[in-house]
Amino acid sequence: MSNVHEAISQHSKKQHNHIQSFLKLEAKRESLIEEAIQLCVSSLPYEVDNINQVTGEMNRLASEGIVPTRKTVTKEMVQEFVRKKYGK
């Protein structure tokens, strides 16, 4: 019986760590997106490669289950967001 409890505990711990990793990546991704938005608002050059690198890490985690995937971000997506939100 204790083996079952140990297996459940290990599984729960693994899922918790998986979710925590995802949440850290999500915060990093959101920060990078906000940075790109602010640069775009200021008409300064920006890239989305770093955003998509984090997105790729998130999607690798998602392929293992329990966390969602995220879309790849394009410069056009950032520009469209800025246009709609800021009228620029």
N, C-alpha and C. Protein backbone atom coordinates (compact mmCIF):
# COMPACT_ATOMS: atom_id res chain seq x y z
N MET A 1 0.82 -1.20 0.00
CA MET A 1 0.00 0.00 0.00
C MET A 1 0.86 1.26 0.00
N SER A 2 1.99 1.25 0.72
CA SER A 2 2.80 2.45 0.78
C SER A 2 3.42 2.78 -0.57
N ASN A 3 3.66 1.77 -1.40
CA ASN A 3 4.18 2.02 -2.75
C ASN A 3 3.19 2.83 -3.57
N VAL A 4 1.92 2.55 -3.40
CA VAL A 4 0.89 3.31 -4.11
C VAL A 4 0.92 4.76 -3.65
N HIS A 5 1.01 4.98 -2.34
CA HIS A 5 1.07 6.35 -1.81
C HIS A 5 2.31 7.07 -2.30
N GLU A 6 3.43 6.37 -2.33
CA GLU A 6 4.67 6.97 -2.82
C GLU A 6 4.54 7.33 -4.30
N ALA A 7 3.95 6.45 -5.07
CA ALA A 7 3.77 6.72 -6.51
C ALA A 7 2.86 7.92 -6.73
N ILE A 8 1.80 7.99 -5.95
CA ILE A 8 0.88 9.14 -6.06
C ILE A 8 1.59 10.42 -5.65
N SER A 9 2.35 10.36 -4.58
CA SER A 9 3.09 11.55 -4.13
C SER A 9 4.11 12.00 -5.17
N GLN A 10 4.81 11.05 -5.76
CA GLN A 10 5.79 11.40 -6.78
C GLN A 10 5.12 11.99 -8.01
N HIS A 11 3.99 11.42 -8.39
CA HIS A 11 3.25 11.93 -9.54
C HIS A 11 2.75 13.35 -9.27
N SER A 12 2.21 13.58 -8.07
CA SER A 12 1.72 14.91 -7.71
C SER A 12 2.85 15.93 -7.68
N LYS A 13 3.99 15.52 -7.15
CA LYS A 13 5.15 16.42 -7.10
C LYS A 13 5.62 16.76 -8.51
N LYS A 14 5.65 15.76 -9.38
CA LYS A 14 6.07 15.98 -10.77
C LYS A 14 5.12 16.95 -11.46
N GLN A 15 3.82 16.77 -11.27
CA GLN A 15 2.85 17.68 -11.87
C GLN A 15 3.00 19.09 -11.32
N HIS A 16 3.20 19.20 -10.01
CA HIS A 16 3.39 20.52 -9.39
C HIS A 16 4.61 21.22 -9.99
N ASN A 17 5.71 20.51 -10.11
CA ASN A 17 6.94 21.09 -10.68
C ASN A 17 6.72 21.48 -12.13
N HIS A 18 5.98 20.66 -12.86
CA HIS A 18 5.65 20.93 -14.26
C HIS A 18 4.87 22.25 -14.38
N ILE A 19 3.87 22.40 -13.54
CA ILE A 19 3.05 23.62 -13.55
C ILE A 19 3.86 24.82 -13.13
N GLN A 20 4.70 24.68 -12.12
CA GLN A 20 5.53 25.80 -11.67
C GLN A 20 6.49 26.25 -12.76
N SER A 21 7.07 25.31 -13.48
CA SER A 21 7.95 25.66 -14.60
C SER A 21 7.18 26.42 -15.66
N PHE A 22 5.98 25.95 -15.96
CA PHE A 22 5.14 26.60 -16.95
C PHE A 22 4.80 28.03 -16.51
N LEU A 23 4.45 28.22 -15.26
CA LEU A 23 4.08 29.56 -14.77
C LEU A 23 5.27 30.53 -14.83
N LYS A 24 6.46 30.05 -14.54
CA LYS A 24 7.64 30.90 -14.65
C LYS A 24 7.87 31.31 -16.11
N LEU A 25 7.72 30.35 -17.02
CA LEU A 25 7.89 30.67 -18.44
C LEU A 25 6.79 31.62 -18.91
N GLU A 26 5.58 31.43 -18.42
CA GLU A 26 4.46 32.30 -18.79
C GLU A 26 4.74 33.74 -18.37
N ALA A 27 5.24 33.93 -17.16
CA ALA A 27 5.57 35.27 -16.68
C ALA A 27 6.68 35.89 -17.53
N LYS A 28 7.68 35.10 -17.87
CA LYS A 28 8.78 35.59 -18.70
C LYS A 28 8.26 35.98 -20.09
N ARG A 29 7.40 35.14 -20.65
CA ARG A 29 6.83 35.40 -21.98
C ARG A 29 6.01 36.70 -21.96
N GLU A 30 5.17 36.84 -20.96
CA GLU A 30 4.34 38.05 -20.85
C GLU A 30 5.20 39.30 -20.72
N SER A 31 6.27 39.21 -19.97
CA SER A 31 7.19 40.33 -19.81
C SER A 31 7.85 40.70 -21.14
N LEU A 32 8.26 39.70 -21.89
CA LEU A 32 8.88 39.94 -23.20
C LEU A 32 7.87 40.52 -24.20
N ILE A 33 6.63 40.06 -24.13
CA ILE A 33 5.59 40.61 -25.00
C ILE A 33 5.34 42.07 -24.64
N GLU A 34 5.26 42.37 -23.37
CA GLU A 34 5.03 43.76 -22.93
C GLU A 34 6.18 44.66 -23.38
N GLU A 35 7.40 44.14 -23.30
CA GLU A 35 8.57 44.90 -23.76
C GLU A 35 8.45 45.19 -25.26
N ALA A 36 8.08 44.20 -26.04
CA ALA A 36 7.91 44.39 -27.49
C ALA A 36 6.81 45.40 -27.78
N ILE A 37 5.73 45.34 -27.03
CA ILE A 37 4.63 46.30 -27.21
C ILE A 37 5.10 47.72 -26.93
N GLN A 38 5.83 47.91 -25.84
CA GLN A 38 6.30 49.25 -25.50
C GLN A 38 7.29 49.79 -26.54
N LEU A 39 8.14 48.93 -27.06
CA LEU A 39 9.06 49.36 -28.11
C LEU A 39 8.28 49.74 -29.37
N CYS A 40 7.28 48.95 -29.71
CA CYS A 40 6.45 49.24 -30.88
C CYS A 40 5.70 50.56 -30.70
N VAL A 41 5.14 50.78 -29.52
CA VAL A 41 4.44 52.03 -29.23
C VAL A 41 5.38 53.22 -29.42
N SER A 42 6.62 53.04 -29.05
CA SER A 42 7.62 54.11 -29.16
C SER A 42 8.28 54.16 -30.53
N SER A 43 7.77 53.37 -31.45
CA SER A 43 8.31 53.29 -32.82
C SER A 43 9.79 52.90 -32.84
N LEU A 44 10.18 52.05 -31.89
CA LEU A 44 11.55 51.55 -31.83
C LEU A 44 11.58 50.12 -32.36
N PRO A 45 12.73 49.68 -32.86
CA PRO A 45 12.81 48.32 -33.38
C PRO A 45 12.66 47.28 -32.26
N TYR A 46 12.07 46.16 -32.59
CA TYR A 46 11.90 45.07 -31.64
C TYR A 46 11.89 43.75 -32.40
N GLU A 47 12.15 42.69 -31.67
CA GLU A 47 12.14 41.34 -32.25
C GLU A 47 11.19 40.49 -31.43
N VAL A 48 10.74 39.41 -32.03
CA VAL A 48 9.86 38.47 -31.32
C VAL A 48 10.55 37.11 -31.13
N ASP A 49 11.80 37.00 -31.57
CA ASP A 49 12.52 35.73 -31.46
C ASP A 49 12.62 35.25 -30.01
N ASN A 50 12.94 36.17 -29.10
CA ASN A 50 13.07 35.78 -27.69
C ASN A 50 11.72 35.34 -27.11
N ILE A 51 10.64 35.99 -27.54
CA ILE A 51 9.30 35.58 -27.10
C ILE A 51 9.04 34.15 -27.58
N ASN A 52 9.36 33.89 -28.82
CA ASN A 52 9.06 32.58 -29.41
C ASN A 52 9.98 31.47 -28.90
N GLN A 53 11.14 31.84 -28.44
CA GLN A 53 12.00 30.85 -27.80
C GLN A 53 11.34 30.36 -26.51
N VAL A 54 10.83 31.29 -25.72
CA VAL A 54 10.12 30.93 -24.49
C VAL A 54 8.84 30.16 -24.84
N THR A 55 8.15 30.61 -25.89
CA THR A 55 6.93 29.92 -26.33
C THR A 55 7.24 28.47 -26.69
N GLY A 56 8.36 28.25 -27.35
CA GLY A 56 8.77 26.89 -27.70
C GLY A 56 9.00 26.03 -26.46
N GLU A 57 9.63 26.61 -25.44
CA GLU A 57 9.84 25.88 -24.19
C GLU A 57 8.50 25.53 -23.54
N MET A 58 7.57 26.48 -23.58
CA MET A 58 6.24 26.25 -23.01
C MET A 58 5.52 25.14 -23.77
N ASN A 59 5.62 25.16 -25.07
CA ASN A 59 4.94 24.15 -25.88
C ASN A 59 5.57 22.76 -25.71
N ARG A 60 6.87 22.72 -25.43
CA ARG A 60 7.49 21.42 -25.12
C ARG A 60 6.92 20.87 -23.80
N LEU A 61 6.76 21.76 -22.83
CA LEU A 61 6.13 21.32 -21.57
C LEU A 61 4.69 20.85 -21.83
N ALA A 62 3.99 21.59 -22.68
CA ALA A 62 2.60 21.24 -22.98
C ALA A 62 2.50 19.87 -23.65
N SER A 63 3.51 19.50 -24.42
CA SER A 63 3.47 18.21 -25.10
C SER A 63 3.53 17.05 -24.10
N GLU A 64 3.98 17.34 -22.89
CA GLU A 64 4.04 16.33 -21.83
C GLU A 64 2.73 16.26 -21.04
N GLY A 65 1.79 17.15 -21.36
CA GLY A 65 0.48 17.12 -20.70
C GLY A 65 0.24 18.29 -19.77
N ILE A 66 -0.87 18.34 -19.19
CA ILE A 66 -1.49 19.22 -18.18
C ILE A 66 -1.36 20.74 -18.32
N VAL A 67 -0.52 21.25 -19.17
CA VAL A 67 -0.47 22.70 -19.38
C VAL A 67 -0.79 23.01 -20.84
N PRO A 68 -1.35 24.20 -21.09
CA PRO A 68 -1.76 24.54 -22.46
C PRO A 68 -0.60 24.98 -23.34
N THR A 69 -0.83 24.92 -24.63
CA THR A 69 0.14 25.44 -25.59
C THR A 69 -0.07 26.95 -25.73
N ARG A 70 0.89 27.60 -26.32
CA ARG A 70 0.81 29.03 -26.61
C ARG A 70 1.14 29.24 -28.09
N LYS A 71 0.55 30.28 -28.67
CA LYS A 71 0.79 30.59 -30.07
C LYS A 71 2.12 31.30 -30.25
N THR A 72 2.73 31.06 -31.39
CA THR A 72 3.92 31.80 -31.78
C THR A 72 3.50 33.24 -32.05
N VAL A 73 4.33 34.19 -31.63
CA VAL A 73 4.02 35.61 -31.79
C VAL A 73 4.76 36.15 -33.01
N THR A 74 4.05 36.93 -33.82
CA THR A 74 4.67 37.58 -34.97
C THR A 74 4.74 39.09 -34.72
N LYS A 75 5.60 39.75 -35.48
CA LYS A 75 5.67 41.21 -35.38
C LYS A 75 4.32 41.83 -35.74
N GLU A 76 3.65 41.22 -36.70
CA GLU A 76 2.35 41.72 -37.13
C GLU A 76 1.33 41.65 -35.99
N MET A 77 1.41 40.62 -35.19
CA MET A 77 0.50 40.50 -34.05
C MET A 77 0.73 41.64 -33.06
N VAL A 78 1.99 41.94 -32.81
CA VAL A 78 2.33 43.04 -31.89
C VAL A 78 1.82 44.36 -32.47
N GLN A 79 2.08 44.58 -33.75
CA GLN A 79 1.64 45.82 -34.39
C GLN A 79 0.13 45.95 -34.37
N GLU A 80 -0.58 44.87 -34.62
CA GLU A 80 -2.04 44.91 -34.61
C GLU A 80 -2.56 45.23 -33.21
N PHE A 81 -1.95 44.63 -32.19
CA PHE A 81 -2.35 44.92 -30.82
C PHE A 81 -2.15 46.39 -30.49
N VAL A 82 -0.99 46.92 -30.86
CA VAL A 82 -0.68 48.33 -30.60
C VAL A 82 -1.65 49.24 -31.34
N ARG A 83 -1.94 48.90 -32.57
CA ARG A 83 -2.87 49.71 -33.37
C ARG A 83 -4.26 49.74 -32.71
N LYS A 84 -4.72 48.58 -32.27
CA LYS A 84 -6.05 48.51 -31.66
C LYS A 84 -6.10 49.18 -30.29
N LYS A 85 -5.10 48.96 -29.48
CA LYS A 85 -5.11 49.47 -28.12
C LYS A 85 -4.70 50.94 -28.03
N TYR A 86 -3.72 51.33 -28.82
CA TYR A 86 -3.15 52.68 -28.71
C TYR A 86 -3.45 53.55 -29.90
N GLY A 87 -4.08 52.99 -30.92
CA GLY A 87 -4.39 53.77 -32.11
C GLY A 87 -3.18 54.21 -32.89
N LYS A 88 -2.10 53.44 -32.80
CA LYS A 88 -0.86 53.80 -33.50
C LYS A 88 -0.61 52.85 -34.64
